[in-house]
Amino acid sequence: MKKDRSNPGLEAITARLDEIHMSSADRLNARAALAQADALAVFILGAYLLCLLLFWLVVPIFYALWRWIDTRLTEYELTSQRLVFRSGVFNRKTEEIELYRVRDSSLDEPLLLRLFGTGNIVLYATDSSAATFVLRAVKAAADVRQKLRAAVEAARDQKRVRSIEA
């Protein structure tokens, strides 16, 4: 009888079946069942690998979509006294920082944000609840930073406040 050499597991089971006293029809049925089980295992492995691949492709797309929606729903409002920051998709959060409390600012422009003409403005304040305040993905960030700096100076002049460097 010709043995299948393509699968060592199937070959071992076939050898064991030859040792057991079975009729040739039963042996053929057992071999057919083993071949079907082997094909099913390959199919399940393929389906598993496809699901794993799709997971690593789909999850980043949903994450990027979520970040885009979150960024689009973020609002900044600059008044003469304070900077108001509203963010959130389902739960809205509002933060305020008094302009006269802003000590310094910096501009952060990573490559990905520069490609879209945006940047992050980082404000350093004397406020204990929000010592660092980040305005994310602001269009024309350098211009906005200069306007913000002028508004901070005007608020300090109006309140007659000057910061003392330690």
C-alpha atoms as a PDB file:
ATOM      1  CA  MET A   1       0.000   0.000   0.000  1.00  0.00           C
ATOM      2  CA  LYS A   2       1.247   3.500  -0.881  1.00  0.00           C
ATOM      3  CA  LYS A   3       1.837   5.810   2.096  1.00  0.00           C
ATOM      4  CA  ASP A   4       1.307   9.583   2.078  1.00  0.00           C
ATOM      5  CA  ARG A   5       4.665  11.237   2.892  1.00  0.00           C
ATOM      6  CA  SER A   6       3.430  14.844   2.760  1.00  0.00           C
ATOM      7  CA  ASN A   7       2.305  14.995   6.419  1.00  0.00           C
ATOM      8  CA  PRO A   8       4.340  13.239   9.156  1.00  0.00           C
ATOM      9  CA  GLY A   9       1.407  13.322  11.607  1.00  0.00           C
ATOM     10  CA  LEU A  10      -0.897  11.689   9.100  1.00  0.00           C
ATOM     11  CA  GLU A  11       1.813   9.119   8.306  1.00  0.00           C
ATOM     12  CA  ALA A  12       2.157   8.156  11.992  1.00  0.00           C
ATOM     13  CA  ILE A  13      -1.605   7.774  12.395  1.00  0.00           C
ATOM     14  CA  THR A  14      -1.791   5.765   9.191  1.00  0.00           C
ATOM     15  CA  ALA A  15       0.972   3.456  10.455  1.00  0.00           C
ATOM     16  CA  ARG A  16      -0.959   2.998  13.697  1.00  0.00           C
ATOM     17  CA  LEU A  17      -4.134   2.206  11.734  1.00  0.00           C
ATOM     18  CA  ASP A  18      -2.228  -0.462   9.803  1.00  0.00           C
ATOM     19  CA  GLU A  19      -1.308  -2.112  13.110  1.00  0.00           C
ATOM     20  CA  ILE A  20      -4.933  -2.164  14.253  1.00  0.00           C
ATOM     21  CA  HIS A  21      -6.938  -4.935  12.716  1.00  0.00           C
ATOM     22  CA  MET A  22      -9.468  -3.056  10.624  1.00  0.00           C
ATOM     23  CA  SER A  23     -11.146  -3.848   7.372  1.00  0.00           C
ATOM     24  CA  SER A  24      -9.794  -2.052   4.319  1.00  0.00           C
ATOM     25  CA  ALA A  25     -13.052  -0.065   3.942  1.00  0.00           C
ATOM     26  CA  ASP A  26     -12.756   1.166   7.548  1.00  0.00           C
ATOM     27  CA  ARG A  27      -9.120   2.116   6.952  1.00  0.00           C
ATOM     28  CA  LEU A  28     -10.086   4.109   3.851  1.00  0.00           C
ATOM     29  CA  ASN A  29     -12.829   5.899   5.806  1.00  0.00           C
ATOM     30  CA  ALA A  30     -10.410   6.690   8.645  1.00  0.00           C
ATOM     31  CA  ARG A  31      -7.799   8.007   6.217  1.00  0.00           C
ATOM     32  CA  ALA A  32     -10.402  10.186   4.474  1.00  0.00           C
ATOM     33  CA  ALA A  33     -11.544  11.580   7.825  1.00  0.00           C
ATOM     34  CA  LEU A  34      -7.932  12.376   8.781  1.00  0.00           C
ATOM     35  CA  ALA A  35      -7.326  14.087   5.441  1.00  0.00           C
ATOM     36  CA  GLN A  36     -10.483  16.184   5.960  1.00  0.00           C
ATOM     37  CA  ALA A  37      -9.368  17.114   9.481  1.00  0.00           C
ATOM     38  CA  ASP A  38      -5.964  18.127   8.113  1.00  0.00           C
ATOM     39  CA  ALA A  39      -7.562  20.327   5.441  1.00  0.00           C
ATOM     40  CA  LEU A  40      -9.862  21.887   8.054  1.00  0.00           C
ATOM     41  CA  ALA A  41      -6.894  22.671  10.295  1.00  0.00           C
ATOM     42  CA  VAL A  42      -5.144  24.454   7.418  1.00  0.00           C
ATOM     43  CA  PHE A  43      -8.339  26.417   6.672  1.00  0.00           C
ATOM     44  CA  ILE A  44      -8.745  27.430  10.334  1.00  0.00           C
ATOM     45  CA  LEU A  45      -5.097  28.503  10.494  1.00  0.00           C
ATOM     46  CA  GLY A  46      -5.572  30.618   7.360  1.00  0.00           C
ATOM     47  CA  ALA A  47      -8.713  32.222   8.801  1.00  0.00           C
ATOM     48  CA  TYR A  48      -6.896  32.921  12.072  1.00  0.00           C
ATOM     49  CA  LEU A  49      -3.968  34.571  10.256  1.00  0.00           C
ATOM     50  CA  LEU A  50      -6.378  36.658   8.170  1.00  0.00           C
ATOM     51  CA  CYS A  51      -8.171  37.874  11.316  1.00  0.00           C
ATOM     52  CA  LEU A  52      -4.848  38.706  12.949  1.00  0.00           C
ATOM     53  CA  LEU A  53      -3.717  40.660   9.888  1.00  0.00           C
ATOM     54  CA  LEU A  54      -7.009  42.565   9.660  1.00  0.00           C
ATOM     55  CA  PHE A  55      -6.822  43.410  13.373  1.00  0.00           C
ATOM     56  CA  TRP A  56      -3.458  45.135  12.904  1.00  0.00           C
ATOM     57  CA  LEU A  57      -4.791  47.020   9.876  1.00  0.00           C
ATOM     58  CA  VAL A  58      -8.268  47.974  11.124  1.00  0.00           C
ATOM     59  CA  VAL A  59      -7.474  49.051  14.698  1.00  0.00           C
ATOM     60  CA  PRO A  60      -5.011  51.798  13.659  1.00  0.00           C
ATOM     61  CA  ILE A  61      -7.571  53.135  11.175  1.00  0.00           C
ATOM     62  CA  PHE A  62     -10.213  53.424  13.909  1.00  0.00           C
ATOM     63  CA  TYR A  63      -7.666  54.992  16.285  1.00  0.00           C
ATOM     64  CA  ALA A  64      -6.650  57.577  13.678  1.00  0.00           C
ATOM     65  CA  LEU A  65     -10.309  58.331  12.941  1.00  0.00           C
ATOM     66  CA  TRP A  66     -11.002  58.792  16.667  1.00  0.00           C
ATOM     67  CA  ARG A  67      -8.019  61.162  17.059  1.00  0.00           C
ATOM     68  CA  TRP A  68      -9.131  63.154  14.009  1.00  0.00           C
ATOM     69  CA  ILE A  69     -12.674  63.552  15.390  1.00  0.00           C
ATOM     70  CA  ASP A  70     -11.299  64.503  18.804  1.00  0.00           C
ATOM     71  CA  THR A  71      -9.024  67.135  17.237  1.00  0.00           C
ATOM     72  CA  ARG A  72     -11.848  68.527  15.086  1.00  0.00           C
ATOM     73  CA  LEU A  73     -14.088  68.902  18.161  1.00  0.00           C
ATOM     74  CA  THR A  74     -11.419  70.710  20.211  1.00  0.00           C
ATOM     75  CA  GLU A  75     -12.076  74.444  20.571  1.00  0.00           C
ATOM     76  CA  TYR A  76      -9.826  77.236  21.828  1.00  0.00           C
ATOM     77  CA  GLU A  77     -11.225  80.653  22.724  1.00  0.00           C
ATOM     78  CA  LEU A  78      -8.984  83.584  23.526  1.00  0.00           C
ATOM     79  CA  THR A  79     -10.609  86.417  25.453  1.00  0.00           C
ATOM     80  CA  SER A  80      -8.963  89.510  26.906  1.00  0.00           C
ATOM     81  CA  GLN A  81      -8.708  87.809  30.323  1.00  0.00           C
ATOM     82  CA  ARG A  82      -8.305  84.075  29.723  1.00  0.00           C
ATOM     83  CA  LEU A  83      -7.794  81.215  27.332  1.00  0.00           C
ATOM     84  CA  VAL A  84     -10.692  78.741  27.288  1.00  0.00           C
ATOM     85  CA  PHE A  85     -10.127  75.179  26.088  1.00  0.00           C
ATOM     86  CA  ARG A  86     -13.053  72.814  25.296  1.00  0.00           C
ATOM     87  CA  SER A  87     -12.491  69.235  24.201  1.00  0.00           C
ATOM     88  CA  GLY A  88     -14.117  65.822  24.107  1.00  0.00           C
ATOM     89  CA  VAL A  89     -16.280  63.736  21.845  1.00  0.00           C
ATOM     90  CA  PHE A  90     -18.889  62.273  24.176  1.00  0.00           C
ATOM     91  CA  ASN A  91     -17.932  63.997  27.426  1.00  0.00           C
ATOM     92  CA  ARG A  92     -17.029  67.665  27.036  1.00  0.00           C
ATOM     93  CA  LYS A  93     -14.343  69.153  29.261  1.00  0.00           C
ATOM     94  CA  THR A  94     -13.715  72.892  29.667  1.00  0.00           C
ATOM     95  CA  GLU A  95     -10.486  74.294  31.083  1.00  0.00           C
ATOM     96  CA  GLU A  96      -9.518  77.918  31.559  1.00  0.00           C
ATOM     97  CA  ILE A  97      -6.226  79.600  32.213  1.00  0.00           C
ATOM     98  CA  GLU A  98      -5.867  83.234  33.204  1.00  0.00           C
ATOM     99  CA  LEU A  99      -3.614  85.000  30.709  1.00  0.00           C
ATOM    100  CA  TYR A 100      -1.676  86.938  33.342  1.00  0.00           C
ATOM    101  CA  ARG A 101      -0.550  83.604  34.840  1.00  0.00           C
ATOM    102  CA  VAL A 102       1.228  82.477  31.657  1.00  0.00           C
ATOM    103  CA  ARG A 103       5.003  82.629  32.213  1.00  0.00           C
ATOM    104  CA  ASP A 104       6.363  81.321  28.932  1.00  0.00           C
ATOM    105  CA  SER A 105       5.390  79.545  25.722  1.00  0.00           C
ATOM    106  CA  SER A 106       7.062  77.282  23.218  1.00  0.00           C
ATOM    107  CA  LEU A 107       6.225  76.027  19.765  1.00  0.00           C
ATOM    108  CA  ASP A 108       6.461  72.341  18.898  1.00  0.00           C
ATOM    109  CA  GLU A 109       6.185  71.401  15.216  1.00  0.00           C
ATOM    110  CA  PRO A 110       6.667  67.663  14.605  1.00  0.00           C
ATOM    111  CA  LEU A 111       7.004  66.516  11.001  1.00  0.00           C
ATOM    112  CA  LEU A 112       3.486  65.097  10.727  1.00  0.00           C
ATOM    113  CA  LEU A 113       1.923  68.333  11.998  1.00  0.00           C
ATOM    114  CA  ARG A 114       4.149  70.462   9.747  1.00  0.00           C
ATOM    115  CA  LEU A 115       2.863  68.506   6.736  1.00  0.00           C
ATOM    116  CA  PHE A 116      -0.633  69.793   7.575  1.00  0.00           C
ATOM    117  CA  GLY A 117       0.485  73.338   8.444  1.00  0.00           C
ATOM    118  CA  THR A 118      -0.172  72.965  12.150  1.00  0.00           C
ATOM    119  CA  GLY A 119       1.817  72.838  15.369  1.00  0.00           C
ATOM    120  CA  ASN A 120       1.518  72.531  19.141  1.00  0.00           C
ATOM    121  CA  ILE A 121       1.790  75.567  21.391  1.00  0.00           C
ATOM    122  CA  VAL A 122       2.941  74.776  24.928  1.00  0.00           C
ATOM    123  CA  LEU A 123       2.117  77.328  27.646  1.00  0.00           C
ATOM    124  CA  TYR A 124       3.885  77.307  31.010  1.00  0.00           C
ATOM    125  CA  ALA A 125       1.867  78.952  33.764  1.00  0.00           C
ATOM    126  CA  THR A 126       2.116  79.731  37.465  1.00  0.00           C
ATOM    127  CA  ASP A 127      -1.280  78.079  37.944  1.00  0.00           C
ATOM    128  CA  SER A 128      -0.863  75.032  40.191  1.00  0.00           C
ATOM    129  CA  SER A 129      -3.794  73.126  38.653  1.00  0.00           C
ATOM    130  CA  ALA A 130      -2.459  73.441  35.085  1.00  0.00           C
ATOM    131  CA  ALA A 131       1.250  74.256  35.109  1.00  0.00           C
ATOM    132  CA  THR A 132       1.617  73.099  31.496  1.00  0.00           C
ATOM    133  CA  PHE A 133      -1.090  73.756  28.960  1.00  0.00           C
ATOM    134  CA  VAL A 134      -0.817  72.342  25.406  1.00  0.00           C
ATOM    135  CA  LEU A 135      -2.766  73.686  22.452  1.00  0.00           C
ATOM    136  CA  ARG A 136      -2.658  70.784  20.006  1.00  0.00           C
ATOM    137  CA  ALA A 137      -2.728  70.905  16.189  1.00  0.00           C
ATOM    138  CA  VAL A 138      -3.199  74.665  15.882  1.00  0.00           C
ATOM    139  CA  LYS A 139      -3.217  76.041  12.325  1.00  0.00           C
ATOM    140  CA  ALA A 140      -0.589  78.771  11.723  1.00  0.00           C
ATOM    141  CA  ALA A 141       0.812  78.046  15.182  1.00  0.00           C
ATOM    142  CA  ALA A 142       3.633  80.621  14.995  1.00  0.00           C
ATOM    143  CA  ASP A 143       1.171  83.456  14.297  1.00  0.00           C
ATOM    144  CA  VAL A 144      -1.223  82.265  16.989  1.00  0.00           C
ATOM    145  CA  ARG A 145       1.659  82.075  19.456  1.00  0.00           C
ATOM    146  CA  GLN A 146       2.602  85.709  18.750  1.00  0.00           C
ATOM    147  CA  LYS A 147      -1.030  86.841  19.178  1.00  0.00           C
ATOM    148  CA  LEU A 148      -1.220  84.859  22.403  1.00  0.00           C
ATOM    149  CA  ARG A 149       2.006  86.445  23.643  1.00  0.00           C
ATOM    150  CA  ALA A 150       0.634  89.943  22.920  1.00  0.00           C
ATOM    151  CA  ALA A 151      -2.610  89.084  24.754  1.00  0.00           C
ATOM    152  CA  VAL A 152      -0.609  87.806  27.764  1.00  0.00           C
ATOM    153  CA  GLU A 153       1.391  91.045  27.906  1.00  0.00           C
ATOM    154  CA  ALA A 154      -1.821  93.119  27.666  1.00  0.00           C
ATOM    155  CA  ALA A 155      -3.438  91.088  30.477  1.00  0.00           C
ATOM    156  CA  ARG A 156      -0.336  91.532  32.667  1.00  0.00           C
ATOM    157  CA  ASP A 157      -0.338  95.303  32.023  1.00  0.00           C
ATOM    158  CA  GLN A 158      -4.042  95.516  32.815  1.00  0.00           C
ATOM    159  CA  LYS A 159      -3.619  93.546  36.086  1.00  0.00           C
ATOM    160  CA  ARG A 160      -0.272  95.231  36.800  1.00  0.00           C
ATOM    161  CA  VAL A 161       1.356  91.855  37.285  1.00  0.00           C
ATOM    162  CA  ARG A 162       4.990  91.008  36.558  1.00  0.00           C
ATOM    163  CA  SER A 163       6.564  87.607  37.031  1.00  0.00           C
ATOM    164  CA  ILE A 164       9.748  87.329  39.050  1.00  0.00           C
ATOM    165  CA  GLU A 165      12.200  84.694  37.882  1.00  0.00           C
ATOM    166  CA  ALA A 166      13.483  82.526  40.703  1.00  0.00           C
END
